[in-house]
């Protein structure tokens, strides 16, 4: 097995690692896209969640 990256033919184990990582990255990206397409209000819900760091930023004057 080999893969062609920018005109350079890369053989063997490196090629399979590159192809596996590419497939994993594409799957993760598609899952993120589909998650937000299925529930557009999710972004608003995530933004409205309190930050875990907000307790450290509570400054009293």
PDB file of N, CA and C in Angstrom:
ATOM      1  N   UNK A   1       0.853  -1.171   0.000  1.00  0.00           N
ATOM      2  CA  UNK A   1       0.000   0.000   0.000  1.00  0.00           C
ATOM      3  C   UNK A   1       0.901   1.236   0.000  1.00  0.00           C
ATOM      4  N   UNK A   2       0.527   2.213  -0.778  1.00  0.00           N
ATOM      5  CA  UNK A   2       1.264   3.475  -0.785  1.00  0.00           C
ATOM      6  C   UNK A   2       0.279   4.609  -1.022  1.00  0.00           C
ATOM      7  N   UNK A   3       0.717   5.801  -0.686  1.00  0.00           N
ATOM      8  CA  UNK A   3      -0.116   6.980  -0.861  1.00  0.00           C
ATOM      9  C   UNK A   3       0.721   8.070  -1.511  1.00  0.00           C
ATOM     10  N   UNK A   4       0.058   8.908  -2.285  1.00  0.00           N
ATOM     11  CA  UNK A   4       0.729  10.000  -2.971  1.00  0.00           C
ATOM     12  C   UNK A   4       0.403  11.299  -2.244  1.00  0.00           C
ATOM     13  N   UNK A   5       1.406  11.914  -1.627  1.00  0.00           N
ATOM     14  CA  UNK A   5       1.221  13.171  -0.906  1.00  0.00           C
ATOM     15  C   UNK A   5       2.042  14.253  -1.592  1.00  0.00           C
ATOM     16  N   UNK A   6       1.345  15.198  -2.182  1.00  0.00           N
ATOM     17  CA  UNK A   6       1.972  16.320  -2.892  1.00  0.00           C
ATOM     18  C   UNK A   6       3.015  15.835  -3.899  1.00  0.00           C
ATOM     19  N   UNK A   7       2.672  14.779  -4.635  1.00  0.00           N
ATOM     20  CA  UNK A   7       3.550  14.276  -5.674  1.00  0.00           C
ATOM     21  C   UNK A   7       4.631  13.330  -5.192  1.00  0.00           C
ATOM     22  N   UNK A   8       4.685  13.054  -3.899  1.00  0.00           N
ATOM     23  CA  UNK A   8       5.697  12.148  -3.365  1.00  0.00           C
ATOM     24  C   UNK A   8       5.022  10.837  -2.997  1.00  0.00           C
ATOM     25  N   UNK A   9       5.513   9.753  -3.561  1.00  0.00           N
ATOM     26  CA  UNK A   9       4.954   8.436  -3.284  1.00  0.00           C
ATOM     27  C   UNK A   9       5.519   7.921  -1.963  1.00  0.00           C
ATOM     28  N   UNK A  10       4.619   7.649  -0.997  1.00  0.00           N
ATOM     29  CA  UNK A  10       5.043   7.182   0.322  1.00  0.00           C
ATOM     30  C   UNK A  10       4.534   5.759   0.504  1.00  0.00           C
ATOM     31  N   UNK A  11       5.438   4.807   0.694  1.00  0.00           N
ATOM     32  CA  UNK A  11       5.045   3.408   0.776  1.00  0.00           C
ATOM     33  C   UNK A  11       4.804   2.932   2.213  1.00  0.00           C
ATOM     34  N   UNK A  12       4.143   1.772   2.303  1.00  0.00           N
ATOM     35  CA  UNK A  12       4.114   0.993   3.522  1.00  0.00           C
ATOM     36  C   UNK A  12       3.304   1.517   4.680  1.00  0.00           C
ATOM     37  N   UNK A  13       3.871   1.330   5.885  1.00  0.00           N
ATOM     38  CA  UNK A  13       3.176   1.617   7.137  1.00  0.00           C
ATOM     39  C   UNK A  13       2.820   3.086   7.273  1.00  0.00           C
ATOM     40  N   UNK A  14       3.679   3.958   6.797  1.00  0.00           N
ATOM     41  CA  UNK A  14       3.404   5.395   6.900  1.00  0.00           C
ATOM     42  C   UNK A  14       2.150   5.736   6.111  1.00  0.00           C
ATOM     43  N   UNK A  15       2.007   5.119   4.952  1.00  0.00           N
ATOM     44  CA  UNK A  15       0.829   5.373   4.120  1.00  0.00           C
ATOM     45  C   UNK A  15      -0.438   4.938   4.827  1.00  0.00           C
ATOM     46  N   UNK A  16      -0.411   3.787   5.474  1.00  0.00           N
ATOM     47  CA  UNK A  16      -1.619   3.318   6.153  1.00  0.00           C
ATOM     48  C   UNK A  16      -1.948   4.197   7.349  1.00  0.00           C
ATOM     49  N   UNK A  17      -0.938   4.687   8.055  1.00  0.00           N
ATOM     50  CA  UNK A  17      -1.177   5.589   9.189  1.00  0.00           C
ATOM     51  C   UNK A  17      -1.793   6.896   8.701  1.00  0.00           C
ATOM     52  N   UNK A  18      -1.262   7.437   7.601  1.00  0.00           N
ATOM     53  CA  UNK A  18      -1.795   8.685   7.050  1.00  0.00           C
ATOM     54  C   UNK A  18      -3.243   8.491   6.616  1.00  0.00           C
ATOM     55  N   UNK A  19      -3.538   7.392   5.946  1.00  0.00           N
ATOM     56  CA  UNK A  19      -4.899   7.136   5.482  1.00  0.00           C
ATOM     57  C   UNK A  19      -5.853   6.908   6.651  1.00  0.00           C
ATOM     58  N   UNK A  20      -5.402   6.189   7.681  1.00  0.00           N
ATOM     59  CA  UNK A  20      -6.243   5.974   8.864  1.00  0.00           C
ATOM     60  C   UNK A  20      -6.551   7.285   9.566  1.00  0.00           C
ATOM     61  N   UNK A  21      -5.524   8.120   9.746  1.00  0.00           N
ATOM     62  CA  UNK A  21      -5.722   9.411  10.415  1.00  0.00           C
ATOM     63  C   UNK A  21      -6.636  10.318   9.607  1.00  0.00           C
ATOM     64  N   UNK A  22      -6.505  10.263   8.287  1.00  0.00           N
ATOM     65  CA  UNK A  22      -7.381  11.069   7.433  1.00  0.00           C
ATOM     66  C   UNK A  22      -8.832  10.618   7.589  1.00  0.00           C
ATOM     67  N   UNK A  23      -9.046   9.312   7.606  1.00  0.00           N
ATOM     68  CA  UNK A  23     -10.407   8.787   7.747  1.00  0.00           C
ATOM     69  C   UNK A  23     -10.990   9.151   9.109  1.00  0.00           C
ATOM     70  N   UNK A  24     -10.189   9.064  10.162  1.00  0.00           N
ATOM     71  CA  UNK A  24     -10.656   9.413  11.508  1.00  0.00           C
ATOM     72  C   UNK A  24     -11.004  10.898  11.580  1.00  0.00           C
ATOM     73  N   UNK A  25     -10.165  11.751  11.000  1.00  0.00           N
ATOM     74  CA  UNK A  25     -10.420  13.193  11.019  1.00  0.00           C
ATOM     75  C   UNK A  25     -11.681  13.534  10.229  1.00  0.00           C
ATOM     76  N   UNK A  26     -11.865  12.897   9.078  1.00  0.00           N
ATOM     77  CA  UNK A  26     -13.074  13.148   8.281  1.00  0.00           C
ATOM     78  C   UNK A  26     -14.320  12.709   9.035  1.00  0.00           C
ATOM     79  N   UNK A  27     -14.254  11.569   9.707  1.00  0.00           N
ATOM     80  CA  UNK A  27     -15.402  11.075  10.457  1.00  0.00           C
ATOM     81  C   UNK A  27     -15.738  12.023  11.606  1.00  0.00           C
ATOM     82  N   UNK A  28     -14.730  12.485  12.331  1.00  0.00           N
ATOM     83  CA  UNK A  28     -14.970  13.409  13.445  1.00  0.00           C
ATOM     84  C   UNK A  28     -15.573  14.716  12.946  1.00  0.00           C
ATOM     85  N   UNK A  29     -15.064  15.222  11.835  1.00  0.00           N
ATOM     86  CA  UNK A  29     -15.577  16.471  11.279  1.00  0.00           C
ATOM     87  C   UNK A  29     -17.026  16.302  10.821  1.00  0.00           C
ATOM     88  N   UNK A  30     -17.316  15.199  10.159  1.00  0.00           N
ATOM     89  CA  UNK A  30     -18.693  14.949   9.713  1.00  0.00           C
ATOM     90  C   UNK A  30     -19.642  14.803  10.891  1.00  0.00           C
ATOM     91  N   UNK A  31     -19.198  14.172  11.970  1.00  0.00           N
ATOM     92  CA  UNK A  31     -20.040  14.054  13.162  1.00  0.00           C
ATOM     93  C   UNK A  31     -20.348  15.418  13.757  1.00  0.00           C
ATOM     94  N   UNK A  32     -19.337  16.284  13.809  1.00  0.00           N
ATOM     95  CA  UNK A  32     -19.553  17.635  14.347  1.00  0.00           C
ATOM     96  C   UNK A  32     -20.527  18.406  13.467  1.00  0.00           C
ATOM     97  N   UNK A  33     -20.372  18.317  12.161  1.00  0.00           N
ATOM     98  CA  UNK A  33     -21.257  19.027  11.235  1.00  0.00           C
ATOM     99  C   UNK A  33     -22.685  18.510  11.373  1.00  0.00           C
ATOM    100  N   UNK A  34     -22.841  17.196  11.408  1.00  0.00           N
ATOM    101  CA  UNK A  34     -24.186  16.618  11.514  1.00  0.00           C
ATOM    102  C   UNK A  34     -24.835  16.938  12.846  1.00  0.00           C
ATOM    103  N   UNK A  35     -24.051  16.982  13.909  1.00  0.00           N
ATOM    104  CA  UNK A  35     -24.598  17.300  15.225  1.00  0.00           C
ATOM    105  C   UNK A  35     -25.215  18.693  15.218  1.00  0.00           C
ATOM    106  N   UNK A  36     -24.556  19.629  14.584  1.00  0.00           N
ATOM    107  CA  UNK A  36     -25.064  20.996  14.552  1.00  0.00           C
ATOM    108  C   UNK A  36     -26.158  21.182  13.507  1.00  0.00           C
ATOM    109  N   UNK A  37     -26.139  20.383  12.448  1.00  0.00           N
ATOM    110  CA  UNK A  37     -27.228  20.445  11.475  1.00  0.00           C
ATOM    111  C   UNK A  37     -28.508  19.886  12.061  1.00  0.00           C
ATOM    112  N   UNK A  38     -28.390  18.840  12.865  1.00  0.00           N
ATOM    113  CA  UNK A  38     -29.563  18.204  13.453  1.00  0.00           C
ATOM    114  C   UNK A  38     -30.195  19.051  14.551  1.00  0.00           C
ATOM    115  N   UNK A  39     -29.380  19.812  15.286  1.00  0.00           N
ATOM    116  CA  UNK A  39     -29.899  20.610  16.404  1.00  0.00           C
ATOM    117  C   UNK A  39     -29.219  21.982  16.426  1.00  0.00           C
ATOM    118  N   UNK A  40     -29.711  22.938  15.596  1.00  0.00           N
ATOM    119  CA  UNK A  40     -29.078  24.255  15.536  1.00  0.00           C
ATOM    120  C   UNK A  40     -29.119  25.004  16.875  1.00  0.00           C
ATOM    121  N   UNK A  41     -30.095  24.701  17.712  1.00  0.00           N
ATOM    122  CA  UNK A  41     -30.186  25.385  19.005  1.00  0.00           C
ATOM    123  C   UNK A  41     -29.105  24.924  19.963  1.00  0.00           C
ATOM    124  N   UNK A  42     -28.415  23.851  19.616  1.00  0.00           N
ATOM    125  CA  UNK A  42     -27.349  23.323  20.477  1.00  0.00           C
ATOM    126  C   UNK A  42     -26.248  24.363  20.707  1.00  0.00           C
ATOM    127  N   UNK A  43     -25.928  25.129  19.672  1.00  0.00           N
ATOM    128  CA  UNK A  43     -24.890  26.151  19.801  1.00  0.00           C
ATOM    129  C   UNK A  43     -25.293  27.168  20.861  1.00  0.00           C
ATOM    130  N   UNK A  44     -26.528  27.589  20.830  1.00  0.00           N
ATOM    131  CA  UNK A  44     -27.017  28.558  21.814  1.00  0.00           C
ATOM    132  C   UNK A  44     -26.966  27.955  23.211  1.00  0.00           C
ATOM    133  N   UNK A  45     -27.357  26.682  23.334  1.00  0.00           N
ATOM    134  CA  UNK A  45     -27.316  26.024  24.636  1.00  0.00           C
ATOM    135  C   UNK A  45     -25.888  25.936  25.158  1.00  0.00           C
ATOM    136  N   UNK A  46     -24.947  25.621  24.270  1.00  0.00           N
ATOM    137  CA  UNK A  46     -23.551  25.506  24.693  1.00  0.00           C
ATOM    138  C   UNK A  46     -22.986  26.862  25.096  1.00  0.00           C
ATOM    139  N   UNK A  47     -23.373  27.917  24.385  1.00  0.00           N
ATOM    140  CA  UNK A  47     -22.880  29.251  24.713  1.00  0.00           C
ATOM    141  C   UNK A  47     -23.437  29.705  26.054  1.00  0.00           C
ATOM    142  N   UNK A  48     -24.677  29.345  26.358  1.00  0.00           N
ATOM    143  CA  UNK A  48     -25.321  29.796  27.581  1.00  0.00           C
ATOM    144  C   UNK A  48     -24.867  29.023  28.819  1.00  0.00           C
ATOM    145  N   UNK A  49     -24.125  27.950  28.640  1.00  0.00           N
ATOM    146  CA  UNK A  49     -23.636  27.193  29.787  1.00  0.00           C
ATOM    147  C   UNK A  49     -22.626  28.034  30.562  1.00  0.00           C
ATOM    148  N   UNK A  50     -22.696  28.020  31.887  1.00  0.00           N
ATOM    149  CA  UNK A  50     -21.700  28.778  32.654  1.00  0.00           C
ATOM    150  C   UNK A  50     -20.316  28.161  32.496  1.00  0.00           C
ATOM    151  N   UNK A  51     -19.345  28.997  32.436  1.00  0.00           N
ATOM    152  CA  UNK A  51     -17.971  28.535  32.287  1.00  0.00           C
ATOM    153  C   UNK A  51     -17.467  27.988  33.618  1.00  0.00           C
ATOM    154  N   UNK A  52     -16.689  26.918  33.586  1.00  0.00           N
ATOM    155  CA  UNK A  52     -16.125  26.411  34.834  1.00  0.00           C
ATOM    156  C   UNK A  52     -15.106  27.380  35.430  1.00  0.00           C
ATOM    157  N   UNK A  53     -14.639  28.317  34.618  1.00  0.00           N
ATOM    158  CA  UNK A  53     -13.662  29.286  35.103  1.00  0.00           C
ATOM    159  C   UNK A  53     -14.317  30.545  35.662  1.00  0.00           C
ATOM    160  N   UNK A  54     -15.641  30.639  35.549  1.00  0.00           N
ATOM    161  CA  UNK A  54     -16.320  31.856  35.989  1.00  0.00           C
ATOM    162  C   UNK A  54     -16.158  32.089  37.490  1.00  0.00           C
ATOM    163  N   UNK A  55     -16.035  31.023  38.270  1.00  0.00           N
ATOM    164  CA  UNK A  55     -15.860  31.205  39.708  1.00  0.00           C
ATOM    165  C   UNK A  55     -14.532  31.873  40.031  1.00  0.00           C
ATOM    166  N   UNK A  56     -13.536  31.697  39.173  1.00  0.00           N
ATOM    167  CA  UNK A  56     -12.248  32.329  39.397  1.00  0.00           C
ATOM    168  C   UNK A  56     -12.243  33.785  38.950  1.00  0.00           C
ATOM    169  N   UNK A  57     -13.196  34.133  38.100  1.00  0.00           N
ATOM    170  CA  UNK A  57     -13.240  35.481  37.549  1.00  0.00           C
ATOM    171  C   UNK A  57     -14.198  36.387  38.295  1.00  0.00           C
ATOM    172  N   UNK A  58     -14.731  35.939  39.406  1.00  0.00           N
ATOM    173  CA  UNK A  58     -15.677  36.721  40.190  1.00  0.00           C
ATOM    174  C   UNK A  58     -14.902  37.773  40.989  1.00  0.00           C
ATOM    175  N   UNK A  59     -14.811  38.959  40.424  1.00  0.00           N
ATOM    176  CA  UNK A  59     -14.043  40.044  41.036  1.00  0.00           C
ATOM    177  C   UNK A  59     -15.006  41.007  41.685  1.00  0.00           C
ATOM    178  N   UNK A  60     -14.791  41.276  42.937  1.00  0.00           N
ATOM    179  CA  UNK A  60     -15.655  42.215  43.661  1.00  0.00           C
ATOM    180  C   UNK A  60     -14.892  43.519  43.894  1.00  0.00           C
ATOM    181  N   UNK A  61     -15.586  44.602  43.618  1.00  0.00           N
ATOM    182  CA  UNK A  61     -14.956  45.921  43.790  1.00  0.00           C
ATOM    183  C   UNK A  61     -15.605  46.643  44.943  1.00  0.00           C
TER     184      UNK A  61
END
